[in-house]
N, C-alpha and C. Protein backbone atom coordinates (compact mmCIF):
# COMPACT_ATOMS: atom_id res chain seq x y z
N MET A 1 -2.00 -25.36 -23.81
CA MET A 1 -3.35 -25.81 -24.05
C MET A 1 -4.21 -25.62 -22.80
N CYS A 2 -3.67 -25.91 -21.66
CA CYS A 2 -4.41 -25.76 -20.41
C CYS A 2 -4.82 -24.30 -20.20
N CYS A 3 -3.93 -23.38 -20.52
CA CYS A 3 -4.25 -21.95 -20.38
C CYS A 3 -5.37 -21.54 -21.33
N GLU A 4 -5.38 -22.11 -22.52
CA GLU A 4 -6.44 -21.79 -23.49
C GLU A 4 -7.80 -22.25 -22.96
N VAL A 5 -7.84 -23.42 -22.36
CA VAL A 5 -9.09 -23.94 -21.80
C VAL A 5 -9.54 -23.06 -20.63
N LEU A 6 -8.61 -22.71 -19.75
CA LEU A 6 -8.95 -21.85 -18.62
C LEU A 6 -9.45 -20.49 -19.08
N GLN A 7 -8.83 -19.94 -20.11
CA GLN A 7 -9.26 -18.64 -20.61
C GLN A 7 -10.70 -18.71 -21.11
N LYS A 8 -11.05 -19.76 -21.81
CA LYS A 8 -12.43 -19.92 -22.29
C LYS A 8 -13.40 -20.07 -21.13
N LEU A 9 -12.98 -20.76 -20.08
CA LEU A 9 -13.85 -20.95 -18.92
C LEU A 9 -14.04 -19.66 -18.12
N LEU A 10 -12.98 -18.87 -18.00
CA LEU A 10 -13.05 -17.65 -17.20
C LEU A 10 -13.68 -16.48 -17.94
N SER A 11 -13.59 -16.48 -19.26
CA SER A 11 -14.06 -15.34 -20.04
C SER A 11 -15.49 -14.91 -19.76
N PRO A 12 -16.45 -15.83 -19.64
CA PRO A 12 -17.83 -15.38 -19.43
C PRO A 12 -18.12 -14.91 -18.00
N LEU A 13 -17.20 -15.13 -17.08
CA LEU A 13 -17.43 -14.72 -15.70
C LEU A 13 -17.30 -13.21 -15.56
N PRO A 14 -18.18 -12.59 -14.78
CA PRO A 14 -18.05 -11.15 -14.54
C PRO A 14 -16.76 -10.85 -13.78
N PRO A 15 -16.20 -9.66 -14.00
CA PRO A 15 -14.92 -9.31 -13.37
C PRO A 15 -14.93 -9.42 -11.85
N ASP A 16 -16.04 -9.06 -11.21
CA ASP A 16 -16.05 -9.13 -9.74
C ASP A 16 -15.95 -10.56 -9.25
N VAL A 17 -16.49 -11.50 -9.99
CA VAL A 17 -16.40 -12.92 -9.61
C VAL A 17 -14.96 -13.40 -9.76
N ILE A 18 -14.34 -13.06 -10.88
CA ILE A 18 -12.94 -13.46 -11.09
C ILE A 18 -12.06 -12.87 -10.00
N LEU A 19 -12.27 -11.58 -9.71
CA LEU A 19 -11.42 -10.91 -8.72
C LEU A 19 -11.59 -11.49 -7.33
N THR A 20 -12.83 -11.75 -6.92
CA THR A 20 -13.06 -12.24 -5.56
C THR A 20 -12.74 -13.72 -5.41
N GLN A 21 -13.11 -14.53 -6.39
CA GLN A 21 -12.93 -15.98 -6.25
C GLN A 21 -11.54 -16.46 -6.65
N PHE A 22 -10.84 -15.69 -7.48
CA PHE A 22 -9.55 -16.14 -7.99
C PHE A 22 -8.43 -15.14 -7.70
N HIS A 23 -8.59 -14.31 -6.67
CA HIS A 23 -7.61 -13.28 -6.34
C HIS A 23 -6.22 -13.86 -6.13
N ASP A 24 -6.10 -14.81 -5.23
CA ASP A 24 -4.79 -15.39 -4.92
C ASP A 24 -4.19 -16.10 -6.13
N GLU A 25 -5.04 -16.80 -6.88
CA GLU A 25 -4.58 -17.52 -8.05
C GLU A 25 -4.07 -16.55 -9.13
N LEU A 26 -4.77 -15.43 -9.30
CA LEU A 26 -4.32 -14.43 -10.28
C LEU A 26 -2.96 -13.87 -9.89
N LEU A 27 -2.78 -13.56 -8.61
CA LEU A 27 -1.48 -13.04 -8.15
C LEU A 27 -0.38 -14.07 -8.35
N THR A 28 -0.67 -15.31 -8.03
CA THR A 28 0.32 -16.38 -8.23
C THR A 28 0.63 -16.55 -9.71
N GLY A 29 -0.41 -16.52 -10.53
CA GLY A 29 -0.23 -16.69 -11.97
C GLY A 29 0.57 -15.57 -12.60
N LEU A 30 0.41 -14.36 -12.11
CA LEU A 30 1.17 -13.23 -12.65
C LEU A 30 2.66 -13.35 -12.38
N GLN A 31 3.03 -14.17 -11.39
CA GLN A 31 4.44 -14.38 -11.05
C GLN A 31 4.95 -15.74 -11.51
N HIS A 32 4.14 -16.46 -12.28
CA HIS A 32 4.47 -17.82 -12.70
C HIS A 32 5.66 -17.82 -13.67
N ASP A 33 6.40 -18.93 -13.69
CA ASP A 33 7.55 -19.07 -14.58
C ASP A 33 7.16 -19.19 -16.05
N GLU A 34 6.01 -19.77 -16.32
CA GLU A 34 5.58 -20.02 -17.70
C GLU A 34 4.87 -18.79 -18.28
N LEU A 35 5.32 -18.34 -19.43
CA LEU A 35 4.74 -17.17 -20.08
C LEU A 35 3.24 -17.31 -20.37
N PRO A 36 2.76 -18.46 -20.88
CA PRO A 36 1.32 -18.57 -21.15
C PRO A 36 0.45 -18.36 -19.91
N VAL A 37 0.94 -18.79 -18.76
CA VAL A 37 0.19 -18.61 -17.52
C VAL A 37 0.14 -17.13 -17.15
N ARG A 38 1.28 -16.45 -17.26
CA ARG A 38 1.30 -15.00 -16.97
C ARG A 38 0.40 -14.24 -17.93
N LYS A 39 0.44 -14.62 -19.22
CA LYS A 39 -0.40 -13.95 -20.21
C LYS A 39 -1.88 -14.15 -19.92
N LEU A 40 -2.26 -15.34 -19.52
CA LEU A 40 -3.66 -15.62 -19.19
C LEU A 40 -4.10 -14.75 -18.02
N CYS A 41 -3.32 -14.72 -16.97
CA CYS A 41 -3.68 -13.93 -15.78
C CYS A 41 -3.71 -12.45 -16.10
N LEU A 42 -2.75 -11.99 -16.87
CA LEU A 42 -2.72 -10.58 -17.23
C LEU A 42 -3.93 -10.22 -18.10
N SER A 43 -4.31 -11.10 -19.00
CA SER A 43 -5.47 -10.81 -19.85
C SER A 43 -6.75 -10.74 -19.01
N GLN A 44 -6.86 -11.58 -17.98
CA GLN A 44 -8.04 -11.52 -17.12
C GLN A 44 -8.07 -10.22 -16.32
N VAL A 45 -6.91 -9.81 -15.80
CA VAL A 45 -6.85 -8.56 -15.04
C VAL A 45 -7.14 -7.38 -15.98
N THR A 46 -6.58 -7.40 -17.17
CA THR A 46 -6.80 -6.33 -18.15
C THR A 46 -8.27 -6.24 -18.51
N ASP A 47 -8.92 -7.37 -18.70
CA ASP A 47 -10.35 -7.38 -19.05
C ASP A 47 -11.19 -6.73 -17.95
N MET A 48 -10.76 -6.84 -16.72
CA MET A 48 -11.51 -6.24 -15.62
C MET A 48 -11.56 -4.72 -15.73
N PHE A 49 -10.57 -4.14 -16.38
CA PHE A 49 -10.52 -2.69 -16.52
C PHE A 49 -10.99 -2.22 -17.89
N ASN A 50 -11.55 -3.12 -18.66
CA ASN A 50 -12.13 -2.80 -19.96
C ASN A 50 -13.35 -1.91 -19.72
N PRO A 51 -13.52 -0.82 -20.49
CA PRO A 51 -14.68 0.06 -20.30
C PRO A 51 -16.02 -0.65 -20.40
N LEU A 52 -16.08 -1.76 -21.11
CA LEU A 52 -17.33 -2.51 -21.22
C LEU A 52 -17.75 -3.08 -19.88
N HIS A 53 -16.78 -3.27 -18.97
CA HIS A 53 -17.07 -3.83 -17.65
C HIS A 53 -17.19 -2.75 -16.58
N ALA A 54 -17.06 -1.49 -16.96
CA ALA A 54 -17.05 -0.40 -15.98
C ALA A 54 -18.32 -0.42 -15.14
N GLY A 55 -18.12 -0.26 -13.85
CA GLY A 55 -19.25 -0.21 -12.93
C GLY A 55 -19.79 -1.57 -12.53
N LYS A 56 -19.20 -2.65 -13.01
CA LYS A 56 -19.70 -3.98 -12.67
C LYS A 56 -18.99 -4.58 -11.47
N PHE A 57 -17.95 -3.91 -10.97
CA PHE A 57 -17.25 -4.45 -9.81
C PHE A 57 -16.66 -3.31 -8.99
N VAL A 58 -16.33 -3.63 -7.77
CA VAL A 58 -15.73 -2.64 -6.87
C VAL A 58 -14.46 -3.24 -6.31
N ILE A 59 -13.38 -2.48 -6.36
CA ILE A 59 -12.12 -2.93 -5.77
C ILE A 59 -11.99 -2.27 -4.41
N CYS A 60 -11.86 -3.06 -3.37
CA CYS A 60 -11.74 -2.52 -2.01
C CYS A 60 -10.29 -2.52 -1.58
C-alpha cells in the first residue's frame, strides 16, 4: 500500500526532478528486498525513458 501511495505522489513529477531529488533513494529501492519497492523504483526509472518525456531531462 505504501508503494502505491508513493507511486501516485511521484507520477506527476517530471523525470529530471525524480532523478535529481531521489537518485540515492531510487538506487536503494532497486536493490530492496521487497518486490513492490523494486517494482515502484523500476517503474519510475522506466518512465524517465518514455518517449513522452524525451528531452525533458539530461543525464550527466
